[in-house]
Amino acid sequence: MPQLVRVQNFSISSDGYGAGEGQSLERPFGHADPADFMSWAGATAHWVNRTDPGGSYGLDDYITRDWANNIGAEIMGRNKFGPQRGPWENYDWQGWWGDEPPFRTPVFVLTHHVRPSFTLGHTTFHFLDTSAEDALERALPAADGKDVRIGGGVATVRQFLDADLIDTMHVAVAPVELGRGERLWASPDELVDRFHLEQIPSPSGVVHHFFWRKGLS
């Protein structure tokens, strides 16, 4: 099986925004409440950050379980890694996720201000000032034959879409409007020239959008 470049479990609002304005340490999604468009995943039995028993099963849980399926590396933007901008003031900040980040693979962070790699638990973070194409050249061998996940945020997903590097994509569209922020699309139909698209509504209220590249075997 060929290695795929995937966007997985990426949640946006009904008007196409994946994050609001004014990101900070206290508000990772800016003016947006992440519960508004991430609660579908957080409610499932296999949510990666679940620490207590319980949770729902069904379609949403099936999709949540696929987040880590056959993933060998992730590429993310600096804004997903943390709220700081510009040169690093220090290296104390090590991401939102605590001592055991959920990725458990090599993670490549795109930034104009590189810093030394470090490891937390089973995840090693590397920092690259490079193009989408070059970052993917680093991530594919690090994934050791498995797929590479493009983890976000919106600007990073758009960068890989614009470079025509994404093979499959799952986007969960929540029934909430943000009005402003970082926008993935005005309409998913913008992508149907390159991708097949199926839309599946969930009882949770989100509509799951599945894209796969035309001609992908």
N, C-alpha and C. Protein backbone atom coordinates (compact mmCIF):
# COMPACT_ATOMS: atom_id res chain seq x y z
N MET A 1 0.84 -1.20 0.00
CA MET A 1 0.00 0.00 0.00
C MET A 1 0.87 1.25 0.00
N PRO A 2 0.54 2.25 -0.83
CA PRO A 2 1.32 3.48 -0.83
C PRO A 2 1.07 4.28 0.44
N GLN A 3 2.07 5.07 0.83
CA GLN A 3 1.87 6.01 1.93
C GLN A 3 0.92 7.11 1.47
N LEU A 4 0.00 7.48 2.36
CA LEU A 4 -0.96 8.54 2.05
C LEU A 4 -0.66 9.76 2.91
N VAL A 5 -1.04 10.90 2.40
CA VAL A 5 -1.02 12.16 3.15
C VAL A 5 -2.45 12.50 3.48
N ARG A 6 -2.78 12.54 4.79
CA ARG A 6 -4.17 12.59 5.23
C ARG A 6 -4.43 13.77 6.16
N VAL A 7 -5.59 14.35 6.01
CA VAL A 7 -6.15 15.22 7.03
C VAL A 7 -7.23 14.41 7.72
N GLN A 8 -7.20 14.35 9.06
CA GLN A 8 -8.07 13.43 9.78
C GLN A 8 -8.74 14.14 10.95
N ASN A 9 -10.07 14.02 11.05
CA ASN A 9 -10.82 14.56 12.19
C ASN A 9 -10.59 16.06 12.36
N PHE A 10 -10.62 16.79 11.27
CA PHE A 10 -10.42 18.23 11.29
C PHE A 10 -11.78 18.91 11.38
N SER A 11 -12.01 19.65 12.44
CA SER A 11 -13.34 20.22 12.70
C SER A 11 -13.38 21.70 12.34
N ILE A 12 -14.47 22.10 11.68
CA ILE A 12 -14.67 23.50 11.33
C ILE A 12 -16.13 23.88 11.58
N SER A 13 -16.40 25.17 11.52
CA SER A 13 -17.76 25.68 11.67
C SER A 13 -18.52 25.57 10.35
N SER A 14 -19.82 25.79 10.41
CA SER A 14 -20.63 25.68 9.20
C SER A 14 -20.28 26.74 8.17
N ASP A 15 -19.67 27.86 8.60
CA ASP A 15 -19.23 28.87 7.65
C ASP A 15 -17.75 28.74 7.31
N GLY A 16 -17.15 27.59 7.63
CA GLY A 16 -15.85 27.25 7.09
C GLY A 16 -14.64 27.60 7.93
N TYR A 17 -14.83 28.06 9.17
CA TYR A 17 -13.70 28.49 9.99
C TYR A 17 -13.25 27.37 10.93
N GLY A 18 -11.93 27.20 11.00
CA GLY A 18 -11.37 26.20 11.90
C GLY A 18 -10.83 26.77 13.19
N ALA A 19 -10.74 28.09 13.27
CA ALA A 19 -10.29 28.78 14.48
C ALA A 19 -10.77 30.22 14.41
N GLY A 20 -10.95 30.83 15.59
CA GLY A 20 -11.37 32.22 15.64
C GLY A 20 -10.18 33.16 15.71
N GLU A 21 -10.47 34.41 15.97
CA GLU A 21 -9.42 35.43 16.09
C GLU A 21 -8.95 35.55 17.54
N GLY A 22 -7.70 35.99 17.71
CA GLY A 22 -7.21 36.29 19.05
C GLY A 22 -6.75 35.08 19.84
N GLN A 23 -6.03 34.16 19.19
CA GLN A 23 -5.52 32.99 19.91
C GLN A 23 -4.60 33.43 21.05
N SER A 24 -4.73 32.75 22.18
CA SER A 24 -3.87 33.02 23.33
C SER A 24 -3.69 31.73 24.12
N LEU A 25 -2.85 31.80 25.16
CA LEU A 25 -2.65 30.62 26.00
C LEU A 25 -3.96 30.17 26.62
N GLU A 26 -4.79 31.14 27.03
CA GLU A 26 -6.06 30.82 27.67
C GLU A 26 -7.13 30.42 26.66
N ARG A 27 -7.01 30.90 25.42
CA ARG A 27 -8.01 30.63 24.39
C ARG A 27 -7.31 30.11 23.13
N PRO A 28 -7.02 28.80 23.09
CA PRO A 28 -6.28 28.24 21.96
C PRO A 28 -6.97 28.42 20.61
N PHE A 29 -8.31 28.56 20.62
CA PHE A 29 -9.05 28.74 19.37
C PHE A 29 -9.54 30.17 19.20
N GLY A 30 -8.90 31.11 19.88
CA GLY A 30 -9.31 32.50 19.77
C GLY A 30 -10.68 32.74 20.34
N HIS A 31 -11.50 33.54 19.64
CA HIS A 31 -12.83 33.87 20.16
C HIS A 31 -13.78 32.69 20.08
N ALA A 32 -13.39 31.62 19.37
CA ALA A 32 -14.25 30.45 19.23
C ALA A 32 -14.17 29.57 20.47
N ASP A 33 -15.29 28.95 20.81
CA ASP A 33 -15.32 27.95 21.88
C ASP A 33 -15.08 26.60 21.23
N PRO A 34 -13.96 25.93 21.54
CA PRO A 34 -13.69 24.65 20.87
C PRO A 34 -14.78 23.62 21.08
N ALA A 35 -15.52 23.72 22.18
CA ALA A 35 -16.60 22.77 22.41
C ALA A 35 -17.67 22.85 21.33
N ASP A 36 -17.80 24.03 20.70
CA ASP A 36 -18.84 24.20 19.69
C ASP A 36 -18.61 23.32 18.47
N PHE A 37 -17.33 23.07 18.13
CA PHE A 37 -17.12 22.24 16.94
C PHE A 37 -16.23 21.03 17.18
N MET A 38 -15.84 20.79 18.45
CA MET A 38 -15.07 19.59 18.77
C MET A 38 -15.81 18.63 19.69
N SER A 39 -16.97 19.02 20.17
CA SER A 39 -17.67 18.18 21.15
C SER A 39 -18.09 16.84 20.57
N TRP A 40 -18.31 16.77 19.27
CA TRP A 40 -18.69 15.49 18.66
C TRP A 40 -17.61 14.44 18.93
N ALA A 41 -16.33 14.83 18.85
CA ALA A 41 -15.23 13.88 19.08
C ALA A 41 -15.02 13.64 20.57
N GLY A 42 -15.08 14.71 21.36
CA GLY A 42 -14.86 14.58 22.79
C GLY A 42 -15.87 13.71 23.49
N ALA A 43 -17.04 13.55 22.89
CA ALA A 43 -18.09 12.73 23.51
C ALA A 43 -17.92 11.25 23.24
N THR A 44 -17.00 10.87 22.35
CA THR A 44 -16.91 9.47 21.94
C THR A 44 -16.09 8.64 22.92
N ALA A 45 -16.31 7.34 22.86
CA ALA A 45 -15.61 6.42 23.76
C ALA A 45 -14.11 6.37 23.48
N HIS A 46 -13.71 6.62 22.25
CA HIS A 46 -12.29 6.48 21.88
C HIS A 46 -11.63 7.83 21.64
N TRP A 47 -12.20 8.92 22.18
CA TRP A 47 -11.54 10.22 22.11
C TRP A 47 -10.15 10.11 22.71
N VAL A 48 -9.15 10.63 21.97
CA VAL A 48 -7.76 10.40 22.34
C VAL A 48 -7.42 10.98 23.71
N ASN A 49 -8.11 12.02 24.13
CA ASN A 49 -7.82 12.64 25.42
C ASN A 49 -8.75 12.17 26.55
N ARG A 50 -9.54 11.15 26.29
CA ARG A 50 -10.47 10.68 27.33
C ARG A 50 -9.69 10.04 28.48
N THR A 51 -10.01 10.45 29.69
CA THR A 51 -9.34 9.91 30.88
C THR A 51 -10.30 9.14 31.77
N ASP A 52 -11.60 9.19 31.46
CA ASP A 52 -12.57 8.47 32.27
C ASP A 52 -13.33 7.49 31.38
N PRO A 53 -13.92 6.46 31.97
CA PRO A 53 -14.67 5.49 31.15
C PRO A 53 -15.95 6.13 30.61
N GLY A 54 -16.54 5.44 29.65
CA GLY A 54 -17.80 5.93 29.08
C GLY A 54 -17.58 6.48 27.68
N GLY A 55 -18.49 7.32 27.25
CA GLY A 55 -18.43 7.87 25.91
C GLY A 55 -19.36 7.15 24.96
N SER A 56 -19.65 7.80 23.85
CA SER A 56 -20.60 7.28 22.88
C SER A 56 -19.92 6.39 21.85
N TYR A 57 -20.74 5.54 21.22
CA TYR A 57 -20.29 4.72 20.11
C TYR A 57 -21.05 5.15 18.85
N GLY A 58 -20.91 4.41 17.78
CA GLY A 58 -21.58 4.79 16.56
C GLY A 58 -20.64 5.49 15.58
N LEU A 59 -21.23 6.26 14.66
CA LEU A 59 -20.47 6.87 13.57
C LEU A 59 -19.35 7.76 14.07
N ASP A 60 -19.64 8.67 14.99
CA ASP A 60 -18.61 9.59 15.46
C ASP A 60 -17.45 8.84 16.11
N ASP A 61 -17.75 7.82 16.88
CA ASP A 61 -16.69 7.07 17.54
C ASP A 61 -15.86 6.29 16.52
N TYR A 62 -16.51 5.74 15.52
CA TYR A 62 -15.78 5.03 14.47
C TYR A 62 -14.77 5.95 13.79
N ILE A 63 -15.19 7.18 13.53
CA ILE A 63 -14.30 8.14 12.88
C ILE A 63 -13.19 8.58 13.83
N THR A 64 -13.52 8.78 15.09
CA THR A 64 -12.51 9.17 16.07
C THR A 64 -11.42 8.12 16.19
N ARG A 65 -11.79 6.85 16.15
CA ARG A 65 -10.80 5.78 16.24
C ARG A 65 -9.84 5.80 15.06
N ASP A 66 -10.30 6.33 13.93
CA ASP A 66 -9.45 6.34 12.73
C ASP A 66 -8.37 7.40 12.78
N TRP A 67 -8.41 8.30 13.79
CA TRP A 67 -7.44 9.40 13.87
C TRP A 67 -6.00 8.91 13.87
N ALA A 68 -5.72 7.84 14.60
CA ALA A 68 -4.36 7.33 14.72
C ALA A 68 -4.10 6.11 13.85
N ASN A 69 -5.10 5.67 13.11
CA ASN A 69 -4.97 4.44 12.34
C ASN A 69 -3.93 4.59 11.23
N ASN A 70 -2.85 3.80 11.31
CA ASN A 70 -1.79 3.76 10.31
C ASN A 70 -1.09 5.11 10.13
N ILE A 71 -1.04 5.93 11.16
CA ILE A 71 -0.33 7.21 11.11
C ILE A 71 1.07 7.01 11.67
N GLY A 72 2.09 7.43 10.89
CA GLY A 72 3.46 7.30 11.33
C GLY A 72 4.16 8.61 11.62
N ALA A 73 3.54 9.74 11.23
CA ALA A 73 4.12 11.05 11.49
C ALA A 73 3.03 12.10 11.29
N GLU A 74 3.22 13.25 11.91
CA GLU A 74 2.30 14.38 11.73
C GLU A 74 3.09 15.63 11.36
N ILE A 75 2.46 16.48 10.54
CA ILE A 75 2.97 17.81 10.25
C ILE A 75 1.93 18.80 10.75
N MET A 76 2.37 19.77 11.54
CA MET A 76 1.46 20.80 12.04
C MET A 76 2.11 22.17 11.91
N GLY A 77 1.30 23.21 12.00
CA GLY A 77 1.81 24.56 12.02
C GLY A 77 2.14 25.01 13.44
N ARG A 78 2.89 26.09 13.53
CA ARG A 78 3.29 26.58 14.84
C ARG A 78 2.08 26.99 15.67
N ASN A 79 1.04 27.51 15.06
CA ASN A 79 -0.13 27.95 15.82
C ASN A 79 -0.86 26.78 16.47
N LYS A 80 -0.72 25.58 15.91
CA LYS A 80 -1.28 24.41 16.60
C LYS A 80 -0.39 24.00 17.76
N PHE A 81 0.91 24.17 17.60
CA PHE A 81 1.82 23.80 18.67
C PHE A 81 1.65 24.70 19.90
N GLY A 82 1.44 26.00 19.69
CA GLY A 82 1.32 26.90 20.83
C GLY A 82 0.96 28.31 20.41
N PRO A 83 0.72 29.20 21.37
CA PRO A 83 0.22 30.54 21.08
C PRO A 83 1.29 31.59 20.81
N GLN A 84 2.58 31.26 20.98
CA GLN A 84 3.62 32.26 20.86
C GLN A 84 3.85 32.64 19.40
N ARG A 85 4.29 33.88 19.18
CA ARG A 85 4.61 34.36 17.85
C ARG A 85 6.05 34.91 17.86
N GLY A 86 6.67 34.96 16.70
CA GLY A 86 8.00 35.53 16.60
C GLY A 86 9.06 34.62 17.19
N PRO A 87 10.25 35.16 17.42
CA PRO A 87 11.34 34.35 17.99
C PRO A 87 10.95 33.78 19.36
N TRP A 88 11.45 32.60 19.65
CA TRP A 88 11.17 31.96 20.93
C TRP A 88 11.83 32.77 22.05
N GLU A 89 11.06 33.15 23.04
CA GLU A 89 11.62 33.84 24.20
C GLU A 89 12.45 32.89 25.05
N ASN A 90 11.99 31.65 25.10
CA ASN A 90 12.73 30.57 25.75
C ASN A 90 12.15 29.26 25.24
N TYR A 91 12.73 28.16 25.68
CA TYR A 91 12.28 26.86 25.21
C TYR A 91 11.44 26.13 26.25
N ASP A 92 10.92 26.86 27.23
CA ASP A 92 10.14 26.21 28.28
C ASP A 92 8.81 25.67 27.76
N TRP A 93 8.20 26.41 26.83
CA TRP A 93 6.90 25.96 26.31
C TRP A 93 7.10 24.72 25.44
N GLN A 94 6.36 23.66 25.75
CA GLN A 94 6.50 22.40 25.02
C GLN A 94 5.15 21.89 24.51
N GLY A 95 4.24 22.82 24.22
CA GLY A 95 2.97 22.43 23.62
C GLY A 95 1.84 22.35 24.61
N TRP A 96 0.64 22.18 24.06
CA TRP A 96 -0.58 22.21 24.86
C TRP A 96 -0.83 20.91 25.63
N TRP A 97 -0.06 19.85 25.39
CA TRP A 97 -0.54 18.50 25.68
C TRP A 97 0.03 17.86 26.93
N GLY A 98 0.87 18.53 27.68
CA GLY A 98 1.40 17.93 28.89
C GLY A 98 2.54 16.97 28.62
N ASP A 99 2.79 16.08 29.57
CA ASP A 99 3.96 15.20 29.51
C ASP A 99 3.81 14.05 28.52
N GLU A 100 2.58 13.73 28.11
CA GLU A 100 2.37 12.62 27.17
C GLU A 100 1.44 13.10 26.06
N PRO A 101 1.98 13.79 25.06
CA PRO A 101 1.15 14.23 23.94
C PRO A 101 0.49 13.03 23.24
N PRO A 102 -0.66 13.26 22.62
CA PRO A 102 -1.41 12.13 22.05
C PRO A 102 -0.85 11.60 20.74
N PHE A 103 0.15 12.24 20.14
CA PHE A 103 0.56 11.88 18.79
C PHE A 103 1.33 10.57 18.75
N ARG A 104 2.29 10.40 19.62
CA ARG A 104 3.06 9.16 19.76
C ARG A 104 3.76 8.78 18.45
N THR A 105 4.18 9.81 17.71
CA THR A 105 4.92 9.66 16.46
C THR A 105 5.88 10.85 16.36
N PRO A 106 6.77 10.87 15.37
CA PRO A 106 7.46 12.12 15.08
C PRO A 106 6.45 13.19 14.63
N VAL A 107 6.64 14.41 15.11
CA VAL A 107 5.80 15.55 14.72
C VAL A 107 6.71 16.64 14.18
N PHE A 108 6.37 17.16 13.01
CA PHE A 108 7.16 18.20 12.37
C PHE A 108 6.36 19.50 12.41
N VAL A 109 6.90 20.49 13.10
CA VAL A 109 6.22 21.77 13.31
C VAL A 109 6.79 22.79 12.33
N LEU A 110 5.94 23.37 11.49
CA LEU A 110 6.38 24.38 10.53
C LEU A 110 6.43 25.74 11.22
N THR A 111 7.58 26.39 11.17
CA THR A 111 7.76 27.67 11.84
C THR A 111 8.90 28.42 11.17
N HIS A 112 8.84 29.74 11.21
CA HIS A 112 9.95 30.55 10.71
C HIS A 112 11.06 30.69 11.76
N HIS A 113 10.81 30.18 12.96
CA HIS A 113 11.78 30.31 14.05
C HIS A 113 12.04 28.92 14.62
N VAL A 114 13.09 28.28 14.11
CA VAL A 114 13.34 26.90 14.50
C VAL A 114 13.91 26.84 15.92
N ARG A 115 13.83 25.69 16.52
CA ARG A 115 14.37 25.43 17.85
C ARG A 115 14.79 23.97 17.89
N PRO A 116 15.56 23.56 18.89
CA PRO A 116 16.01 22.17 18.95
C PRO A 116 14.82 21.20 19.10
N SER A 117 14.99 20.02 18.54
CA SER A 117 14.00 18.96 18.73
C SER A 117 13.98 18.53 20.18
N PHE A 118 12.83 18.00 20.62
CA PHE A 118 12.74 17.43 21.96
C PHE A 118 11.70 16.33 21.97
N THR A 119 11.77 15.48 22.97
CA THR A 119 10.87 14.34 23.10
C THR A 119 10.08 14.44 24.40
N LEU A 120 8.78 14.23 24.30
CA LEU A 120 7.90 14.11 25.46
C LEU A 120 7.17 12.78 25.35
N GLY A 121 7.34 11.91 26.30
CA GLY A 121 6.70 10.61 26.24
C GLY A 121 7.12 9.87 24.98
N HIS A 122 6.12 9.52 24.15
CA HIS A 122 6.38 8.79 22.91
C HIS A 122 6.35 9.69 21.69
N THR A 123 6.43 10.99 21.88
CA THR A 123 6.34 11.95 20.77
C THR A 123 7.61 12.78 20.71
N THR A 124 8.20 12.89 19.52
CA THR A 124 9.34 13.77 19.31
C THR A 124 8.93 14.90 18.37
N PHE A 125 9.17 16.14 18.79
CA PHE A 125 8.84 17.32 18.00
C PHE A 125 10.10 17.83 17.30
N HIS A 126 9.97 18.09 16.00
CA HIS A 126 11.02 18.70 15.20
C HIS A 126 10.48 20.01 14.61
N PHE A 127 11.33 21.00 14.47
CA PHE A 127 10.90 22.33 14.04
C PHE A 127 11.60 22.69 12.73
N LEU A 128 10.79 23.01 11.70
CA LEU A 128 11.31 23.20 10.36
C LEU A 128 10.88 24.55 9.81
N ASP A 129 11.81 25.24 9.21
CA ASP A 129 11.51 26.45 8.44
C ASP A 129 11.67 26.08 6.98
N THR A 130 10.60 25.57 6.38
CA THR A 130 10.71 25.02 5.04
C THR A 130 9.34 25.00 4.38
N SER A 131 9.30 24.55 3.15
CA SER A 131 8.06 24.48 2.38
C SER A 131 7.28 23.22 2.74
N ALA A 132 6.03 23.17 2.28
CA ALA A 132 5.22 21.97 2.48
C ALA A 132 5.88 20.77 1.82
N GLU A 133 6.40 20.96 0.61
CA GLU A 133 7.03 19.85 -0.11
C GLU A 133 8.23 19.30 0.66
N ASP A 134 9.09 20.19 1.15
CA ASP A 134 10.28 19.73 1.87
C ASP A 134 9.92 19.09 3.22
N ALA A 135 8.92 19.65 3.88
CA ALA A 135 8.48 19.05 5.15
C ALA A 135 7.97 17.63 4.92
N LEU A 136 7.25 17.44 3.84
CA LEU A 136 6.74 16.10 3.54
C LEU A 136 7.88 15.15 3.21
N GLU A 137 8.92 15.64 2.56
CA GLU A 137 10.08 14.79 2.29
C GLU A 137 10.76 14.33 3.57
N ARG A 138 10.68 15.15 4.62
CA ARG A 138 11.22 14.74 5.92
C ARG A 138 10.28 13.76 6.63
N ALA A 139 8.99 14.01 6.51
CA ALA A 139 8.01 13.24 7.29
C ALA A 139 7.79 11.84 6.73
N LEU A 140 7.82 11.68 5.42
CA LEU A 140 7.51 10.37 4.84
C LEU A 140 8.47 9.27 5.31
N PRO A 141 9.78 9.46 5.24
CA PRO A 141 10.65 8.40 5.77
C PRO A 141 10.53 8.23 7.28
N ALA A 142 10.27 9.32 8.00
CA ALA A 142 10.11 9.22 9.45
C ALA A 142 8.87 8.41 9.81
N ALA A 143 7.87 8.38 8.92
CA ALA A 143 6.64 7.62 9.17
C ALA A 143 6.83 6.13 8.99
N ASP A 144 7.99 5.72 8.45
CA ASP A 144 8.36 4.30 8.37
C ASP A 144 7.29 3.48 7.65
N GLY A 145 6.86 3.96 6.49
CA GLY A 145 5.91 3.22 5.67
C GLY A 145 4.46 3.51 5.98
N LYS A 146 4.17 4.18 7.08
CA LYS A 146 2.80 4.53 7.41
C LYS A 146 2.44 5.89 6.82
N ASP A 147 1.20 6.32 7.02
CA ASP A 147 0.72 7.57 6.45
C ASP A 147 1.21 8.77 7.25
N VAL A 148 1.16 9.93 6.62
CA VAL A 148 1.49 11.20 7.27
C VAL A 148 0.20 12.00 7.43
N ARG A 149 -0.05 12.44 8.65
CA ARG A 149 -1.24 13.24 8.94
C ARG A 149 -0.86 14.73 8.91
N ILE A 150 -1.66 15.52 8.20
CA ILE A 150 -1.52 16.97 8.23
C ILE A 150 -2.48 17.46 9.31
N GLY A 151 -1.93 17.87 10.45
CA GLY A 151 -2.75 18.06 11.64
C GLY A 151 -3.38 19.43 11.77
N GLY A 152 -2.96 20.40 10.96
CA GLY A 152 -3.52 21.74 11.11
C GLY A 152 -2.51 22.68 11.73
N GLY A 153 -2.94 23.91 12.02
CA GLY A 153 -4.27 24.45 11.83
C GLY A 153 -4.63 24.71 10.37
N VAL A 154 -5.58 25.64 10.22
CA VAL A 154 -6.16 25.90 8.92
C VAL A 154 -5.08 26.30 7.91
N ALA A 155 -4.19 27.21 8.28
CA ALA A 155 -3.19 27.69 7.33
C ALA A 155 -2.31 26.56 6.84
N THR A 156 -2.00 25.61 7.70
CA THR A 156 -1.17 24.48 7.29
C THR A 156 -1.92 23.55 6.35
N VAL A 157 -3.18 23.27 6.66
CA VAL A 157 -3.98 22.44 5.75
C VAL A 157 -4.10 23.12 4.39
N ARG A 158 -4.36 24.44 4.38
CA ARG A 158 -4.46 25.16 3.12
C ARG A 158 -3.14 25.11 2.36
N GLN A 159 -2.03 25.22 3.08
CA GLN A 159 -0.72 25.18 2.42
C GLN A 159 -0.52 23.86 1.68
N PHE A 160 -0.92 22.75 2.30
CA PHE A 160 -0.76 21.45 1.66
C PHE A 160 -1.80 21.24 0.56
N LEU A 161 -2.99 21.78 0.73
CA LEU A 161 -3.97 21.73 -0.36
C LEU A 161 -3.49 22.53 -1.56
N ASP A 162 -2.97 23.72 -1.31
CA ASP A 162 -2.50 24.57 -2.41
C ASP A 162 -1.34 23.93 -3.15
N ALA A 163 -0.52 23.15 -2.43
CA ALA A 163 0.59 22.44 -3.06
C ALA A 163 0.16 21.11 -3.67
N ASP A 164 -1.13 20.78 -3.56
CA ASP A 164 -1.70 19.55 -4.13
C ASP A 164 -1.01 18.31 -3.59
N LEU A 165 -0.82 18.27 -2.26
CA LEU A 165 -0.10 17.18 -1.62
C LEU A 165 -0.99 16.26 -0.79
N ILE A 166 -2.27 16.57 -0.67
CA ILE A 166 -3.16 15.79 0.20
C ILE A 166 -3.89 14.72 -0.62
N ASP A 167 -3.91 13.49 -0.08
CA ASP A 167 -4.58 12.38 -0.75
C ASP A 167 -6.00 12.18 -0.26
N THR A 168 -6.20 12.19 1.05
CA THR A 168 -7.54 12.02 1.62
C THR A 168 -7.73 13.04 2.74
N MET A 169 -8.99 13.37 2.99
CA MET A 169 -9.28 14.39 4.00
C MET A 169 -10.64 14.11 4.62
N HIS A 170 -10.69 14.17 5.93
CA HIS A 170 -11.95 14.11 6.67
C HIS A 170 -12.12 15.42 7.43
N VAL A 171 -13.23 16.10 7.17
CA VAL A 171 -13.56 17.36 7.82
C VAL A 171 -14.95 17.22 8.44
N ALA A 172 -15.05 17.52 9.73
CA ALA A 172 -16.33 17.49 10.44
C ALA A 172 -16.85 18.92 10.53
N VAL A 173 -18.00 19.17 9.92
CA VAL A 173 -18.59 20.51 9.89
C VAL A 173 -19.67 20.59 10.96
N ALA A 174 -19.44 21.45 11.93
CA ALA A 174 -20.35 21.58 13.08
C ALA A 174 -21.42 22.63 12.81
N PRO A 175 -22.59 22.50 13.43
CA PRO A 175 -23.70 23.43 13.19
C PRO A 175 -23.56 24.71 14.01
N VAL A 176 -22.47 25.43 13.81
CA VAL A 176 -22.23 26.69 14.51
C VAL A 176 -21.48 27.61 13.55
N GLU A 177 -21.74 28.91 13.63
CA GLU A 177 -21.03 29.87 12.80
C GLU A 177 -20.06 30.68 13.66
N LEU A 178 -18.86 30.92 13.11
CA LEU A 178 -17.85 31.73 13.81
C LEU A 178 -17.78 33.15 13.27
N GLY A 179 -18.05 33.32 11.98
CA GLY A 179 -18.11 34.66 11.40
C GLY A 179 -16.78 35.26 11.00
N ARG A 180 -15.70 34.86 11.67
CA ARG A 180 -14.38 35.40 11.36
C ARG A 180 -13.33 34.46 11.94
N GLY A 181 -12.10 34.64 11.47
CA GLY A 181 -11.01 33.79 11.94
C GLY A 181 -10.24 33.20 10.77
N GLU A 182 -9.74 31.98 10.94
CA GLU A 182 -9.01 31.28 9.88
C GLU A 182 -9.99 30.36 9.16
N ARG A 183 -10.12 30.57 7.85
CA ARG A 183 -11.16 29.89 7.08
C ARG A 183 -10.56 28.82 6.18
N LEU A 184 -11.11 27.62 6.26
CA LEU A 184 -10.67 26.54 5.39
C LEU A 184 -11.28 26.68 4.01
N TRP A 185 -12.56 27.00 3.95
CA TRP A 185 -13.23 27.16 2.67
C TRP A 185 -14.49 28.01 2.83
N ALA A 186 -14.95 28.57 1.71
CA ALA A 186 -16.29 29.17 1.66
C ALA A 186 -17.32 28.10 1.39
N SER A 187 -16.94 27.07 0.62
CA SER A 187 -17.80 25.92 0.33
C SER A 187 -16.92 24.72 0.04
N PRO A 188 -17.31 23.53 0.48
CA PRO A 188 -16.51 22.34 0.15
C PRO A 188 -16.47 22.05 -1.34
N ASP A 189 -17.41 22.62 -2.08
CA ASP A 189 -17.42 22.41 -3.53
C ASP A 189 -16.18 22.98 -4.20
N GLU A 190 -15.44 23.84 -3.48
CA GLU A 190 -14.20 24.38 -4.05
C GLU A 190 -13.19 23.27 -4.36
N LEU A 191 -13.35 22.11 -3.73
CA LEU A 191 -12.34 21.06 -3.84
C LEU A 191 -12.75 19.92 -4.77
N VAL A 192 -13.96 19.96 -5.32
CA VAL A 192 -14.45 18.79 -6.06
C VAL A 192 -13.83 18.69 -7.46
N ASP A 193 -13.03 19.68 -7.86
CA ASP A 193 -12.30 19.51 -9.11
C ASP A 193 -11.18 18.49 -8.96
N ARG A 194 -10.67 18.33 -7.73
CA ARG A 194 -9.56 17.41 -7.48
C ARG A 194 -9.94 16.20 -6.66
N PHE A 195 -11.05 16.31 -5.89
CA PHE A 195 -11.41 15.27 -4.94
C PHE A 195 -12.84 14.78 -5.17
N HIS A 196 -13.06 13.50 -4.95
CA HIS A 196 -14.40 13.01 -4.73
C HIS A 196 -14.85 13.47 -3.34
N LEU A 197 -16.15 13.65 -3.15
CA LEU A 197 -16.67 14.12 -1.87
C LEU A 197 -17.94 13.37 -1.52
N GLU A 198 -17.98 12.85 -0.30
CA GLU A 198 -19.22 12.31 0.27
C GLU A 198 -19.48 13.00 1.60
N GLN A 199 -20.74 13.35 1.86
CA GLN A 199 -21.15 14.04 3.08
C GLN A 199 -22.11 13.14 3.84
N ILE A 200 -21.78 12.87 5.11
CA ILE A 200 -22.60 11.96 5.92
C ILE A 200 -22.98 12.68 7.21
N PRO A 201 -24.28 12.96 7.41
CA PRO A 201 -24.70 13.61 8.66
C PRO A 201 -24.65 12.64 9.83
N SER A 202 -24.33 13.15 11.00
CA SER A 202 -24.27 12.35 12.21
C SER A 202 -25.39 12.77 13.16
N PRO A 203 -25.86 11.85 14.01
CA PRO A 203 -26.84 12.23 15.02
C PRO A 203 -26.35 13.32 15.97
N SER A 204 -25.03 13.50 16.08
CA SER A 204 -24.50 14.54 16.96
C SER A 204 -24.73 15.94 16.40
N GLY A 205 -25.08 16.04 15.13
CA GLY A 205 -25.32 17.34 14.51
C GLY A 205 -24.25 17.76 13.53
N VAL A 206 -23.07 17.13 13.58
CA VAL A 206 -22.03 17.46 12.61
C VAL A 206 -22.31 16.72 11.30
N VAL A 207 -21.75 17.24 10.23
CA VAL A 207 -21.78 16.55 8.94
C VAL A 207 -20.34 16.20 8.58
N HIS A 208 -20.09 14.91 8.43
CA HIS A 208 -18.74 14.45 8.10
C HIS A 208 -18.54 14.53 6.59
N HIS A 209 -17.47 15.21 6.20
CA HIS A 209 -17.10 15.36 4.80
C HIS A 209 -15.87 14.50 4.53
N PHE A 210 -15.99 13.57 3.59
CA PHE A 210 -14.89 12.69 3.22
C PHE A 210 -14.45 13.02 1.80
N PHE A 211 -13.19 13.37 1.66
CA PHE A 211 -12.60 13.68 0.37
C PHE A 211 -11.53 12.64 0.05
N TRP A 212 -11.47 12.19 -1.18
CA TRP A 212 -10.33 11.40 -1.63
C TRP A 212 -9.99 11.80 -3.05
N ARG A 213 -8.71 11.87 -3.29
CA ARG A 213 -8.19 12.39 -4.55
C ARG A 213 -8.71 11.58 -5.73
N LYS A 214 -9.14 12.25 -6.78
CA LYS A 214 -9.56 11.57 -7.98
C LYS A 214 -8.37 10.83 -8.60
N GLY A 215 -8.61 9.58 -8.96
CA GLY A 215 -7.54 8.78 -9.52
C GLY A 215 -6.72 8.03 -8.49
N LEU A 216 -7.02 8.24 -7.20
CA LEU A 216 -6.28 7.53 -6.15
C LEU A 216 -6.68 6.08 -6.16
N SER A 217 -5.70 5.19 -6.27
CA SER A 217 -5.98 3.76 -6.33
C SER A 217 -6.17 3.20 -4.93
